[in-house]
C-alpha atoms as a PDB file:
ATOM      1  CA  MET A   1     -15.184  64.853 -14.886  1.00  0.00           C
ATOM      2  CA  ASP A   2     -15.332  64.154 -11.148  1.00  0.00           C
ATOM      3  CA  ALA A   3     -12.277  64.847  -8.964  1.00  0.00           C
ATOM      4  CA  ASP A   4     -11.489  61.161  -8.403  1.00  0.00           C
ATOM      5  CA  ASP A   5     -11.960  60.045 -12.045  1.00  0.00           C
ATOM      6  CA  VAL A   6      -8.873  59.794 -14.233  1.00  0.00           C
ATOM      7  CA  SER A   7      -8.105  60.722 -17.929  1.00  0.00           C
ATOM      8  CA  VAL A   8      -5.389  58.680 -19.384  1.00  0.00           C
ATOM      9  CA  THR A   9      -2.316  60.450 -20.587  1.00  0.00           C
ATOM     10  CA  ASP A  10      -2.790  62.276 -23.866  1.00  0.00           C
ATOM     11  CA  ARG A  11      -6.580  61.757 -23.953  1.00  0.00           C
ATOM     12  CA  LEU A  12      -7.218  65.447 -24.877  1.00  0.00           C
ATOM     13  CA  ALA A  13      -4.500  65.389 -27.574  1.00  0.00           C
ATOM     14  CA  ILE A  14      -5.973  62.141 -29.108  1.00  0.00           C
ATOM     15  CA  GLN A  15      -9.458  63.528 -29.154  1.00  0.00           C
ATOM     16  CA  VAL A  16      -8.518  66.930 -30.501  1.00  0.00           C
ATOM     17  CA  ASP A  17      -6.474  65.303 -33.341  1.00  0.00           C
ATOM     18  CA  TYR A  18      -9.392  63.111 -34.156  1.00  0.00           C
ATOM     19  CA  MET A  19     -11.782  66.019 -34.235  1.00  0.00           C
ATOM     20  CA  ARG A  20      -9.434  68.006 -36.430  1.00  0.00           C
ATOM     21  CA  GLU A  21      -9.328  65.011 -38.882  1.00  0.00           C
ATOM     22  CA  HIS A  22     -13.072  64.719 -38.804  1.00  0.00           C
ATOM     23  CA  PRO A  23     -14.618  68.169 -39.095  1.00  0.00           C
ATOM     24  CA  ASP A  24     -18.140  66.729 -39.318  1.00  0.00           C
ATOM     25  CA  ILE A  25     -18.014  65.343 -35.743  1.00  0.00           C
ATOM     26  CA  VAL A  26     -19.553  67.791 -33.252  1.00  0.00           C
ATOM     27  CA  LEU A  27     -19.273  65.547 -30.140  1.00  0.00           C
ATOM     28  CA  LEU A  28     -16.654  62.795 -29.342  1.00  0.00           C
ATOM     29  CA  GLY A  29     -16.616  60.315 -26.539  1.00  0.00           C
ATOM     30  CA  ALA A  30     -14.334  57.383 -25.730  1.00  0.00           C
ATOM     31  CA  ARG A  31     -14.343  53.930 -24.132  1.00  0.00           C
ATOM     32  CA  PHE A  32     -13.951  53.933 -20.343  1.00  0.00           C
ATOM     33  CA  SER A  33     -13.243  51.510 -17.586  1.00  0.00           C
ATOM     34  CA  PHE A  34     -14.553  51.401 -14.022  1.00  0.00           C
ATOM     35  CA  MET A  35     -11.894  52.187 -11.401  1.00  0.00           C
ATOM     36  CA  ILE A  36     -12.685  50.353  -8.144  1.00  0.00           C
ATOM     37  CA  GLY A  37     -10.094  50.900  -5.451  1.00  0.00           C
ATOM     38  CA  SER A  38      -6.829  50.239  -7.226  1.00  0.00           C
ATOM     39  CA  LYS A  39      -8.294  47.970  -9.873  1.00  0.00           C
ATOM     40  CA  LEU A  40      -9.639  48.770 -13.399  1.00  0.00           C
ATOM     41  CA  VAL A  41     -12.683  46.771 -14.596  1.00  0.00           C
ATOM     42  CA  PRO A  42     -13.324  47.094 -18.317  1.00  0.00           C
ATOM     43  CA  VAL A  43     -16.839  47.520 -19.647  1.00  0.00           C
ATOM     44  CA  ALA A  44     -18.289  46.635 -23.094  1.00  0.00           C
ATOM     45  CA  PRO A  45     -16.939  48.744 -25.968  1.00  0.00           C
ATOM     46  CA  PRO A  46     -19.109  51.838 -26.695  1.00  0.00           C
ATOM     47  CA  LEU A  47     -21.167  52.320 -29.802  1.00  0.00           C
ATOM     48  CA  THR A  48     -19.190  54.263 -32.393  1.00  0.00           C
ATOM     49  CA  HIS A  49     -21.460  54.889 -35.386  1.00  0.00           C
ATOM     50  CA  HIS A  50     -23.673  57.967 -35.309  1.00  0.00           C
ATOM     51  CA  GLN A  51     -26.929  56.170 -36.176  1.00  0.00           C
ATOM     52  CA  GLU A  52     -26.456  53.450 -33.576  1.00  0.00           C
ATOM     53  CA  ILE A  53     -25.633  56.170 -30.952  1.00  0.00           C
ATOM     54  CA  ARG A  54     -28.639  58.209 -31.977  1.00  0.00           C
ATOM     55  CA  ARG A  55     -30.941  55.147 -31.922  1.00  0.00           C
ATOM     56  CA  ALA A  56     -29.673  54.201 -28.416  1.00  0.00           C
ATOM     57  CA  LEU A  57     -30.183  57.759 -27.052  1.00  0.00           C
ATOM     58  CA  LEU A  58     -33.824  57.718 -28.294  1.00  0.00           C
ATOM     59  CA  GLN A  59     -34.346  54.584 -26.239  1.00  0.00           C
ATOM     60  CA  GLY A  60     -33.154  56.339 -23.136  1.00  0.00           C
ATOM     61  CA  ILE A  61     -29.820  54.555 -23.085  1.00  0.00           C
ATOM     62  CA  ALA A  62     -26.746  56.562 -22.105  1.00  0.00           C
ATOM     63  CA  VAL A  63     -23.941  55.816 -24.492  1.00  0.00           C
ATOM     64  CA  PHE A  64     -21.255  58.400 -23.420  1.00  0.00           C
ATOM     65  CA  ALA A  65     -19.027  58.689 -20.400  1.00  0.00           C
ATOM     66  CA  ASN A  66     -19.782  62.316 -19.597  1.00  0.00           C
ATOM     67  CA  GLY A  67     -16.232  63.133 -18.374  1.00  0.00           C
ATOM     68  CA  ALA A  68     -14.697  61.665 -21.470  1.00  0.00           C
ATOM     69  CA  THR A  69     -16.560  63.773 -23.985  1.00  0.00           C
ATOM     70  CA  MET A  70     -15.223  66.688 -26.158  1.00  0.00           C
ATOM     71  CA  PHE A  71     -17.356  68.915 -28.329  1.00  0.00           C
ATOM     72  CA  ARG A  72     -17.208  71.988 -30.564  1.00  0.00           C
ATOM     73  CA  SER A  73     -18.167  75.079 -28.666  1.00  0.00           C
ATOM     74  CA  VAL A  74     -19.946  76.447 -31.908  1.00  0.00           C
ATOM     75  CA  ALA A  75     -22.324  73.438 -31.929  1.00  0.00           C
ATOM     76  CA  ALA A  76     -22.855  73.548 -28.220  1.00  0.00           C
ATOM     77  CA  LYS A  77     -23.956  77.189 -28.430  1.00  0.00           C
ATOM     78  CA  LYS A  78     -26.236  76.337 -31.283  1.00  0.00           C
ATOM     79  CA  VAL A  79     -28.115  73.844 -29.196  1.00  0.00           C
ATOM     80  CA  GLY A  80     -28.245  76.050 -26.162  1.00  0.00           C
ATOM     81  CA  GLY A  81     -25.722  74.155 -24.048  1.00  0.00           C
ATOM     82  CA  HIS A  82     -26.815  72.216 -21.104  1.00  0.00           C
ATOM     83  CA  ASN A  83     -30.373  73.710 -20.754  1.00  0.00           C
ATOM     84  CA  LEU A  84     -32.191  71.014 -18.978  1.00  0.00           C
ATOM     85  CA  ASN A  85     -32.379  71.526 -15.242  1.00  0.00           C
ATOM     86  CA  GLY A  86     -31.733  68.258 -13.558  1.00  0.00           C
ATOM     87  CA  PRO A  87     -29.560  65.132 -13.469  1.00  0.00           C
ATOM     88  CA  ALA A  88     -30.202  64.211 -17.066  1.00  0.00           C
ATOM     89  CA  HIS A  89     -28.905  67.602 -18.459  1.00  0.00           C
ATOM     90  CA  ASP A  90     -25.957  65.921 -20.184  1.00  0.00           C
ATOM     91  CA  PHE A  91     -28.283  63.231 -21.733  1.00  0.00           C
ATOM     92  CA  ASP A  92     -30.438  65.938 -23.167  1.00  0.00           C
ATOM     93  CA  PHE A  93     -27.289  67.804 -24.409  1.00  0.00           C
ATOM     94  CA  PHE A  94     -26.084  64.681 -26.170  1.00  0.00           C
ATOM     95  CA  LEU A  95     -29.476  64.174 -27.885  1.00  0.00           C
ATOM     96  CA  ARG A  96     -29.523  67.779 -29.109  1.00  0.00           C
ATOM     97  CA  MET A  97     -25.879  67.578 -30.339  1.00  0.00           C
ATOM     98  CA  SER A  98     -26.762  64.488 -32.291  1.00  0.00           C
ATOM     99  CA  GLU A  99     -29.417  66.304 -34.217  1.00  0.00           C
ATOM    100  CA  ILE A 100     -26.959  68.901 -35.688  1.00  0.00           C
ATOM    101  CA  GLY A 101     -23.923  66.897 -36.604  1.00  0.00           C
ATOM    102  CA  THR A 102     -22.141  63.603 -36.211  1.00  0.00           C
ATOM    103  CA  VAL A 103     -21.545  62.143 -32.704  1.00  0.00           C
ATOM    104  CA  HIS A 104     -18.860  59.406 -32.199  1.00  0.00           C
ATOM    105  CA  ASN A 105     -17.111  57.311 -29.568  1.00  0.00           C
ATOM    106  CA  LEU A 106     -13.437  56.344 -29.871  1.00  0.00           C
ATOM    107  CA  PRO A 107     -12.969  52.611 -29.247  1.00  0.00           C
ATOM    108  CA  LEU A 108      -9.857  53.421 -27.206  1.00  0.00           C
ATOM    109  CA  THR A 109     -10.067  53.327 -23.376  1.00  0.00           C
ATOM    110  CA  LEU A 110      -9.192  56.922 -22.438  1.00  0.00           C
ATOM    111  CA  TYR A 111     -11.070  57.482 -19.233  1.00  0.00           C
ATOM    112  CA  HIS A 112     -11.350  55.620 -15.897  1.00  0.00           C
ATOM    113  CA  TYR A 113     -14.657  56.229 -13.986  1.00  0.00           C
ATOM    114  CA  ARG A 114     -14.375  55.861 -10.046  1.00  0.00           C
ATOM    115  CA  LEU A 115     -17.046  53.642  -8.903  1.00  0.00           C
ATOM    116  CA  HIS A 116     -17.972  53.514  -5.173  1.00  0.00           C
ATOM    117  CA  GLU A 117     -20.266  51.321  -3.288  1.00  0.00           C
ATOM    118  CA  GLY A 118     -23.454  53.235  -2.922  1.00  0.00           C
ATOM    119  CA  ALA A 119     -22.347  55.943  -5.193  1.00  0.00           C
ATOM    120  CA  SER A 120     -25.871  56.324  -6.542  1.00  0.00           C
ATOM    121  CA  THR A 121     -29.273  55.523  -5.206  1.00  0.00           C
ATOM    122  CA  ALA A 122     -32.454  53.949  -6.692  1.00  0.00           C
ATOM    123  CA  VAL A 123     -34.309  57.181  -5.918  1.00  0.00           C
ATOM    124  CA  ARG A 124     -31.887  59.309  -7.908  1.00  0.00           C
ATOM    125  CA  ASN A 125     -31.897  56.752 -10.690  1.00  0.00           C
ATOM    126  CA  SER A 126     -35.651  56.836 -10.875  1.00  0.00           C
ATOM    127  CA  PHE A 127     -35.619  60.631 -11.192  1.00  0.00           C
ATOM    128  CA  MET A 128     -32.840  60.574 -13.680  1.00  0.00           C
ATOM    129  CA  ARG A 129     -34.659  57.932 -15.673  1.00  0.00           C
ATOM    130  CA  GLN A 130     -37.801  60.222 -15.733  1.00  0.00           C
ATOM    131  CA  GLN A 131     -35.689  63.176 -16.937  1.00  0.00           C
ATOM    132  CA  GLN A 132     -33.968  61.014 -19.615  1.00  0.00           C
ATOM    133  CA  MET A 133     -37.368  60.029 -21.021  1.00  0.00           C
ATOM    134  CA  PHE A 134     -38.441  63.570 -20.834  1.00  0.00           C
ATOM    135  CA  ALA A 135     -35.330  64.595 -22.954  1.00  0.00           C
ATOM    136  CA  VAL A 136     -36.440  61.745 -25.403  1.00  0.00           C
ATOM    137  CA  ALA A 137     -39.881  62.976 -25.632  1.00  0.00           C
ATOM    138  CA  CYS A 138     -38.557  66.514 -26.419  1.00  0.00           C
ATOM    139  CA  ALA A 139     -36.286  65.035 -29.068  1.00  0.00           C
ATOM    140  CA  MET A 140     -39.066  63.186 -30.698  1.00  0.00           C
ATOM    141  CA  ALA A 141     -41.198  66.293 -30.665  1.00  0.00           C
ATOM    142  CA  ARG A 142     -38.370  68.136 -32.446  1.00  0.00           C
ATOM    143  CA  ASP A 143     -38.130  65.361 -34.997  1.00  0.00           C
ATOM    144  CA  ALA A 144     -41.870  65.584 -35.669  1.00  0.00           C
ATOM    145  CA  GLY A 145     -41.740  69.390 -35.941  1.00  0.00           C
ATOM    146  CA  VAL A 146     -44.200  69.898 -32.962  1.00  0.00           C
ATOM    147  CA  PRO A 147     -43.675  71.975 -29.791  1.00  0.00           C
ATOM    148  CA  GLU A 148     -41.710  70.233 -27.029  1.00  0.00           C
ATOM    149  CA  PRO A 149     -43.759  69.223 -23.976  1.00  0.00           C
ATOM    150  CA  ALA A 150     -43.562  71.139 -20.768  1.00  0.00           C
ATOM    151  CA  PHE A 151     -41.895  69.168 -18.061  1.00  0.00           C
ATOM    152  CA  ALA A 152     -44.939  69.608 -15.677  1.00  0.00           C
ATOM    153  CA  ASP A 153     -47.249  68.027 -18.359  1.00  0.00           C
ATOM    154  CA  PHE A 154     -44.750  65.253 -19.124  1.00  0.00           C
ATOM    155  CA  ARG A 155     -44.390  64.472 -15.406  1.00  0.00           C
ATOM    156  CA  ARG A 156     -48.104  64.300 -14.997  1.00  0.00           C
ATOM    157  CA  GLN A 157     -48.471  61.887 -17.832  1.00  0.00           C
ATOM    158  CA  TRP A 158     -45.472  59.832 -16.434  1.00  0.00           C
ATOM    159  CA  SER A 159     -47.256  59.548 -13.139  1.00  0.00           C
ATOM    160  CA  ILE A 160     -50.351  57.922 -14.841  1.00  0.00           C
ATOM    161  CA  ARG A 161     -48.517  55.434 -16.942  1.00  0.00           C
ATOM    162  CA  PRO A 162     -49.872  51.926 -17.108  1.00  0.00           C
ATOM    163  CA  ARG A 163     -48.853  49.817 -14.099  1.00  0.00           C
ATOM    164  CA  LEU A 164     -46.799  47.467 -16.233  1.00  0.00           C
ATOM    165  CA  GLU A 165     -44.745  50.366 -17.562  1.00  0.00           C
ATOM    166  CA  LYS A 166     -44.007  51.586 -14.082  1.00  0.00           C
ATOM    167  CA  ILE A 167     -42.885  48.148 -13.066  1.00  0.00           C
ATOM    168  CA  ALA A 168     -40.593  47.947 -16.108  1.00  0.00           C
ATOM    169  CA  ASP A 169     -38.996  51.310 -15.262  1.00  0.00           C
ATOM    170  CA  ARG A 170     -38.510  50.146 -11.659  1.00  0.00           C
ATOM    171  CA  ALA A 171     -36.924  46.996 -12.926  1.00  0.00           C
ATOM    172  CA  TRP A 172     -34.625  49.205 -15.077  1.00  0.00           C
ATOM    173  CA  ASP A 173     -33.487  51.171 -12.007  1.00  0.00           C
ATOM    174  CA  ILE A 174     -32.812  48.037  -9.932  1.00  0.00           C
ATOM    175  CA  SER A 175     -30.950  46.374 -12.854  1.00  0.00           C
ATOM    176  CA  HIS A 176     -28.675  49.286 -13.072  1.00  0.00           C
ATOM    177  CA  GLU A 177     -27.868  49.183  -9.398  1.00  0.00           C
ATOM    178  CA  LEU A 178     -27.339  45.416  -9.506  1.00  0.00           C
ATOM    179  CA  TYR A 179     -24.941  45.846 -12.542  1.00  0.00           C
ATOM    180  CA  ARG A 180     -22.795  48.432 -10.739  1.00  0.00           C
ATOM    181  CA  SER A 181     -22.762  46.128  -7.603  1.00  0.00           C
ATOM    182  CA  ALA A 182     -21.612  43.303  -9.724  1.00  0.00           C
ATOM    183  CA  MET A 183     -18.769  45.370 -11.045  1.00  0.00           C
ATOM    184  CA  ILE A 184     -17.640  46.260  -7.520  1.00  0.00           C
ATOM    185  CA  LYS A 185     -17.810  42.719  -6.292  1.00  0.00           C
ATOM    186  CA  ARG A 186     -16.088  41.475  -9.279  1.00  0.00           C
ATOM    187  CA  ALA A 187     -13.163  43.856  -8.473  1.00  0.00           C
ATOM    188  CA  ASP A 188     -13.193  42.683  -4.786  1.00  0.00           C
ATOM    189  CA  GLY A 189     -12.850  39.070  -5.833  1.00  0.00           C
ATOM    190  CA  ARG A 190     -16.399  38.233  -4.756  1.00  0.00           C
ATOM    191  CA  MET A 191     -17.066  36.260  -7.972  1.00  0.00           C
ATOM    192  CA  VAL A 192     -20.075  34.231  -6.823  1.00  0.00           C
ATOM    193  CA  SER A 193     -22.111  37.220  -5.457  1.00  0.00           C
ATOM    194  CA  ALA A 194     -20.874  39.326  -8.550  1.00  0.00           C
ATOM    195  CA  GLY A 195     -22.205  36.607 -10.821  1.00  0.00           C
ATOM    196  CA  LEU A 196     -25.658  36.439  -8.999  1.00  0.00           C
ATOM    197  CA  ASN A 197     -25.990  40.253  -9.228  1.00  0.00           C
ATOM    198  CA  ALA A 198     -25.076  40.216 -12.916  1.00  0.00           C
ATOM    199  CA  ILE A 199     -27.712  37.504 -13.592  1.00  0.00           C
ATOM    200  CA  CYS A 200     -30.482  39.330 -11.714  1.00  0.00           C
ATOM    201  CA  SER A 201     -29.538  42.430 -13.547  1.00  0.00           C
ATOM    202  CA  VAL A 202     -29.947  40.582 -16.873  1.00  0.00           C
ATOM    203  CA  VAL A 203     -33.304  39.143 -15.871  1.00  0.00           C
ATOM    204  CA  LEU A 204     -34.601  42.493 -14.851  1.00  0.00           C
ATOM    205  CA  ASN A 205     -33.449  44.305 -17.923  1.00  0.00           C
ATOM    206  CA  PRO A 206     -32.742  41.875 -20.728  1.00  0.00           C
ATOM    207  CA  ARG A 207     -32.860  44.562 -23.369  1.00  0.00           C
ATOM    208  CA  LYS A 208     -29.977  46.369 -21.802  1.00  0.00           C
ATOM    209  CA  ALA A 209     -28.065  43.084 -21.352  1.00  0.00           C
ATOM    210  CA  ILE A 210     -28.488  42.095 -24.969  1.00  0.00           C
ATOM    211  CA  TRP A 211     -27.297  45.643 -25.958  1.00  0.00           C
ATOM    212  CA  ARG A 212     -24.098  45.084 -24.024  1.00  0.00           C
ATOM    213  CA  ILE A 213     -23.572  41.635 -25.427  1.00  0.00           C
ATOM    214  CA  LYS A 214     -23.878  42.893 -28.991  1.00  0.00           C
ATOM    215  CA  ARG A 215     -21.291  45.634 -28.264  1.00  0.00           C
ATOM    216  CA  GLN A 216     -18.916  42.946 -26.901  1.00  0.00           C
ATOM    217  CA  LEU A 217     -19.589  40.654 -29.895  1.00  0.00           C
ATOM    218  CA  ASN A 218     -19.020  43.493 -32.410  1.00  0.00           C
ATOM    219  CA  ASN A 219     -15.731  44.358 -30.614  1.00  0.00           C
ATOM    220  CA  VAL A 220     -14.555  40.739 -30.962  1.00  0.00           C
ATOM    221  CA  ASP A 221     -15.656  40.606 -34.614  1.00  0.00           C
ATOM    222  CA  ASN A 222     -13.749  43.907 -35.331  1.00  0.00           C
ATOM    223  CA  GLN A 223     -10.587  42.548 -33.614  1.00  0.00           C
ATOM    224  CA  PHE A 224     -10.821  39.325 -35.677  1.00  0.00           C
ATOM    225  CA  HIS A 225     -11.121  41.233 -38.960  1.00  0.00           C
ATOM    226  CA  LEU A 226      -8.219  43.509 -37.823  1.00  0.00           C
ATOM    227  CA  ARG A 227      -5.906  40.532 -37.037  1.00  0.00           C
ATOM    228  CA  LYS A 228      -6.972  38.939 -40.378  1.00  0.00           C
ATOM    229  CA  SER A 229      -6.141  42.001 -42.493  1.00  0.00           C
ATOM    230  CA  CYS A 230      -2.671  42.142 -40.724  1.00  0.00           C
END
Protein backbone atom coordinates (compact mmCIF):
# COMPACT_ATOMS: atom_id res chain seq x y z
CA MET A 1 0.00 0.00 0.00
CA ASP A 2 1.14 3.57 -0.63
CA ALA A 3 2.30 5.65 2.32
CA ASP A 4 -0.75 7.93 2.21
CA ASP A 5 -3.35 5.13 1.89
CA VAL A 6 -5.12 3.86 5.01
CA SER A 7 -6.10 0.37 6.13
CA VAL A 8 -9.00 0.38 8.54
CA THR A 9 -8.53 -0.98 12.05
CA ASP A 10 -8.37 -4.79 12.15
CA ARG A 11 -8.21 -5.18 8.34
CA LEU A 12 -5.40 -7.71 8.58
CA ALA A 13 -7.09 -9.65 11.38
CA ILE A 14 -10.39 -9.78 9.47
CA GLN A 15 -8.71 -11.07 6.32
CA VAL A 16 -6.52 -13.57 8.16
CA ASP A 17 -9.55 -15.00 9.97
CA TYR A 18 -11.48 -15.27 6.72
CA MET A 19 -8.64 -17.08 4.96
CA ARG A 20 -8.27 -19.47 7.87
CA GLU A 21 -11.97 -20.28 7.57
CA HIS A 22 -11.71 -20.69 3.77
CA PRO A 23 -8.55 -22.68 2.98
CA ASP A 24 -9.41 -22.82 -0.74
CA ILE A 25 -8.89 -19.06 -1.09
CA VAL A 26 -5.40 -18.16 -2.31
CA LEU A 27 -5.93 -14.41 -2.70
CA LEU A 28 -8.31 -12.12 -0.84
CA GLY A 29 -9.20 -8.50 -1.47
CA ALA A 30 -11.70 -6.10 0.03
CA ARG A 31 -13.93 -3.20 -0.85
CA PHE A 32 -12.27 0.22 -0.79
CA SER A 33 -13.22 3.87 -0.86
CA PHE A 34 -11.43 6.85 -2.34
CA MET A 35 -9.89 9.20 0.21
CA ILE A 36 -9.87 12.72 -1.22
CA GLY A 37 -8.56 15.31 1.19
CA SER A 38 -10.45 14.60 4.41
CA LYS A 39 -13.46 13.02 2.66
CA LEU A 40 -14.21 9.40 1.88
CA VAL A 41 -15.99 8.70 -1.41
CA PRO A 42 -17.44 5.18 -1.72
CA VAL A 43 -17.09 3.21 -4.93
CA ALA A 44 -19.22 0.39 -6.30
CA PRO A 45 -18.95 -2.88 -4.36
CA PRO A 46 -16.32 -5.30 -5.69
CA LEU A 47 -16.99 -8.57 -7.43
CA THR A 48 -16.89 -11.33 -4.86
CA HIS A 49 -17.35 -14.62 -6.72
CA HIS A 50 -14.33 -16.32 -8.23
CA GLN A 51 -15.79 -16.88 -11.69
CA GLU A 52 -16.95 -13.26 -11.98
CA ILE A 53 -13.55 -12.01 -10.91
CA ARG A 54 -11.77 -14.32 -13.33
CA ARG A 55 -14.06 -13.25 -16.18
CA ALA A 56 -13.45 -9.56 -15.47
CA LEU A 57 -9.68 -10.04 -15.28
CA LEU A 58 -9.70 -11.75 -18.69
CA GLN A 59 -11.44 -8.64 -20.05
CA GLY A 60 -8.62 -6.47 -18.74
CA ILE A 61 -10.67 -5.05 -15.87
CA ALA A 62 -8.91 -4.48 -12.54
CA VAL A 63 -11.02 -5.92 -9.73
CA PHE A 64 -8.68 -5.73 -6.73
CA ALA A 65 -7.38 -2.79 -4.71
CA ASN A 66 -3.73 -3.81 -4.72
CA GLY A 67 -2.96 -2.53 -1.21
CA ALA A 68 -5.98 -4.33 0.23
CA THR A 69 -5.01 -7.80 -0.94
CA MET A 70 -3.74 -10.70 1.12
CA PHE A 71 -2.48 -13.97 -0.31
CA ARG A 72 -0.91 -17.27 0.66
CA SER A 73 2.87 -17.26 0.23
CA VAL A 74 2.87 -20.88 -0.95
CA ALA A 75 0.52 -20.00 -3.81
CA ALA A 76 2.48 -16.84 -4.64
CA LYS A 77 5.70 -18.84 -4.92
CA LYS A 78 3.93 -21.41 -7.09
CA VAL A 79 3.01 -18.79 -9.72
CA GLY A 80 6.42 -17.12 -9.57
CA GLY A 81 5.38 -14.03 -7.64
CA HIS A 82 5.23 -10.68 -9.44
CA ASN A 83 7.20 -11.68 -12.52
CA LEU A 84 5.92 -9.16 -15.08
CA ASN A 85 8.27 -6.19 -15.34
CA GLY A 86 6.06 -3.11 -15.60
CA PRO A 87 3.07 -1.25 -14.10
CA ALA A 88 0.67 -4.18 -14.60
CA HIS A 89 2.78 -6.63 -12.59
CA ASP A 90 0.04 -6.88 -9.96
CA PHE A 91 -2.67 -7.48 -12.58
CA ASP A 92 -0.63 -10.34 -14.06
CA PHE A 93 -0.11 -11.73 -10.55
CA PHE A 94 -3.86 -11.69 -9.84
CA LEU A 95 -4.55 -13.54 -13.09
CA ARG A 96 -1.98 -16.22 -12.29
CA MET A 97 -3.30 -16.66 -8.74
CA SER A 98 -6.85 -17.07 -10.08
CA GLU A 99 -5.61 -20.06 -12.10
CA ILE A 100 -4.44 -22.13 -9.12
CA GLY A 101 -7.10 -21.44 -6.48
CA THR A 102 -10.09 -19.35 -5.46
CA VAL A 103 -9.81 -15.57 -5.42
CA HIS A 104 -12.33 -13.47 -3.54
CA ASN A 105 -13.18 -9.94 -2.43
CA LEU A 106 -14.72 -9.18 0.94
CA PRO A 107 -17.72 -6.81 0.62
CA LEU A 108 -16.51 -4.90 3.69
CA THR A 109 -14.79 -1.54 3.16
CA LEU A 110 -11.38 -2.19 4.70
CA TYR A 111 -9.18 0.17 2.71
CA HIS A 112 -9.06 3.86 1.80
CA TYR A 113 -7.16 4.70 -1.39
CA ARG A 114 -5.75 8.24 -1.53
CA LEU A 115 -6.76 9.93 -4.77
CA HIS A 116 -4.93 13.06 -5.88
CA GLU A 117 -5.61 15.41 -8.75
CA GLY A 118 -3.28 14.33 -11.53
CA ALA A 119 -2.19 11.20 -9.66
CA SER A 120 -1.94 9.32 -12.94
CA THR A 121 -1.50 10.32 -16.55
CA ALA A 122 -3.08 9.20 -19.78
CA VAL A 123 0.37 8.17 -21.05
CA ARG A 124 0.95 5.91 -18.05
CA ASN A 125 -2.60 4.55 -18.33
CA SER A 126 -2.01 3.73 -22.00
CA PHE A 127 1.14 1.75 -21.20
CA MET A 128 -0.58 0.04 -18.26
CA ARG A 129 -3.48 -0.91 -20.53
CA GLN A 130 -1.03 -2.43 -23.00
CA GLN A 131 0.63 -4.43 -20.24
CA GLN A 132 -2.72 -5.56 -18.82
CA MET A 133 -3.76 -6.90 -22.21
CA PHE A 134 -0.36 -8.60 -22.53
CA ALA A 135 -1.07 -10.32 -19.20
CA VAL A 136 -4.48 -11.35 -20.56
CA ALA A 137 -2.87 -12.73 -23.74
CA CYS A 138 -0.46 -14.78 -21.61
CA ALA A 139 -3.33 -16.08 -19.46
CA MET A 140 -5.33 -17.11 -22.51
CA ALA A 141 -2.26 -18.88 -23.90
CA ARG A 142 -1.87 -20.81 -20.66
CA ASP A 143 -5.56 -21.75 -20.76
CA ALA A 144 -5.11 -23.02 -24.31
CA GLY A 145 -1.95 -24.94 -23.42
CA VAL A 146 0.24 -23.02 -25.87
CA PRO A 147 3.43 -21.01 -25.20
CA GLU A 148 2.96 -17.50 -23.85
CA PRO A 149 3.79 -14.73 -26.33
CA ALA A 150 6.97 -12.70 -25.95
CA PHE A 151 6.30 -9.11 -24.96
CA ALA A 152 8.18 -7.77 -27.98
CA ASP A 153 5.97 -9.81 -30.32
CA PHE A 154 2.81 -8.76 -28.48
CA ARG A 155 3.83 -5.11 -28.57
CA ARG A 156 4.44 -5.32 -32.31
CA GLN A 157 0.97 -6.80 -32.86
CA TRP A 158 -0.49 -4.20 -30.51
CA SER A 159 0.96 -1.38 -32.61
CA ILE A 160 -0.67 -2.64 -35.84
CA ARG A 161 -4.16 -3.19 -34.44
CA PRO A 162 -7.11 -1.90 -36.47
CA ARG A 163 -7.69 1.82 -36.06
CA LEU A 164 -11.06 1.32 -34.35
CA GLU A 165 -9.44 -0.85 -31.67
CA LYS A 166 -6.85 1.85 -31.02
CA ILE A 167 -9.58 4.47 -30.73
CA ALA A 168 -11.50 2.22 -28.31
CA ASP A 169 -8.42 1.77 -26.12
CA ARG A 170 -7.75 5.51 -26.13
CA ALA A 171 -11.37 6.07 -25.10
CA TRP A 172 -10.84 3.56 -22.26
CA ASP A 173 -7.85 5.58 -21.00
CA ILE A 174 -9.66 8.92 -21.16
CA SER A 175 -12.77 7.43 -19.53
CA HIS A 176 -10.64 6.24 -16.61
CA GLU A 177 -9.18 9.71 -16.14
CA LEU A 178 -12.61 11.34 -16.30
CA TYR A 179 -13.99 8.90 -13.73
CA ARG A 180 -11.20 9.71 -11.27
CA SER A 181 -11.68 13.43 -11.93
CA ALA A 182 -15.41 13.06 -11.27
CA MET A 183 -14.67 11.45 -7.89
CA ILE A 184 -12.34 14.33 -6.93
CA LYS A 185 -14.82 16.99 -8.01
CA ARG A 186 -17.64 15.21 -6.18
CA ALA A 187 -15.60 15.31 -2.97
CA ASP A 188 -14.93 19.02 -3.52
CA GLY A 189 -18.64 19.71 -3.92
CA ARG A 190 -18.36 20.58 -7.62
CA MET A 191 -21.39 18.46 -8.46
CA VAL A 192 -22.16 19.88 -11.92
CA SER A 193 -18.67 19.36 -13.33
CA ALA A 194 -18.45 16.01 -11.52
CA GLY A 195 -21.67 14.94 -13.22
CA LEU A 196 -20.43 16.08 -16.63
CA ASN A 197 -17.18 14.17 -16.19
CA ALA A 198 -19.10 11.06 -15.11
CA ILE A 199 -21.41 11.27 -18.13
CA CYS A 200 -18.47 11.66 -20.51
CA SER A 201 -16.75 8.71 -18.82
CA VAL A 202 -19.86 6.57 -19.42
CA VAL A 203 -20.11 7.62 -23.07
CA LEU A 204 -16.48 6.79 -23.74
CA ASN A 205 -16.56 3.43 -21.96
CA PRO A 206 -20.15 2.18 -21.57
CA ARG A 207 -19.02 -1.40 -20.88
CA LYS A 208 -17.11 -0.37 -17.77
CA ALA A 209 -20.03 1.85 -16.66
CA ILE A 210 -22.53 -0.99 -17.05
CA TRP A 211 -20.16 -3.22 -15.08
CA ARG A 212 -20.10 -0.69 -12.20
CA ILE A 213 -23.89 -0.30 -12.28
CA LYS A 214 -24.39 -4.07 -12.14
CA ARG A 215 -22.16 -4.28 -9.09
CA GLN A 216 -24.14 -1.52 -7.42
CA LEU A 217 -27.47 -3.19 -8.24
CA ASN A 218 -26.19 -6.54 -6.98
CA ASN A 219 -25.20 -4.85 -3.72
CA VAL A 220 -28.67 -3.30 -3.34
CA ASP A 221 -30.29 -6.66 -4.08
CA ASN A 222 -28.07 -8.43 -1.53
CA GLN A 223 -28.90 -5.83 1.13
CA PHE A 224 -32.63 -6.23 0.39
CA HIS A 225 -32.49 -10.00 0.83
CA LEU A 226 -30.41 -9.58 3.99
CA ARG A 227 -33.00 -7.23 5.54
CA LYS A 228 -35.80 -9.56 4.41
CA SER A 229 -34.15 -12.57 6.04
CA CYS A 230 -33.73 -10.60 9.28
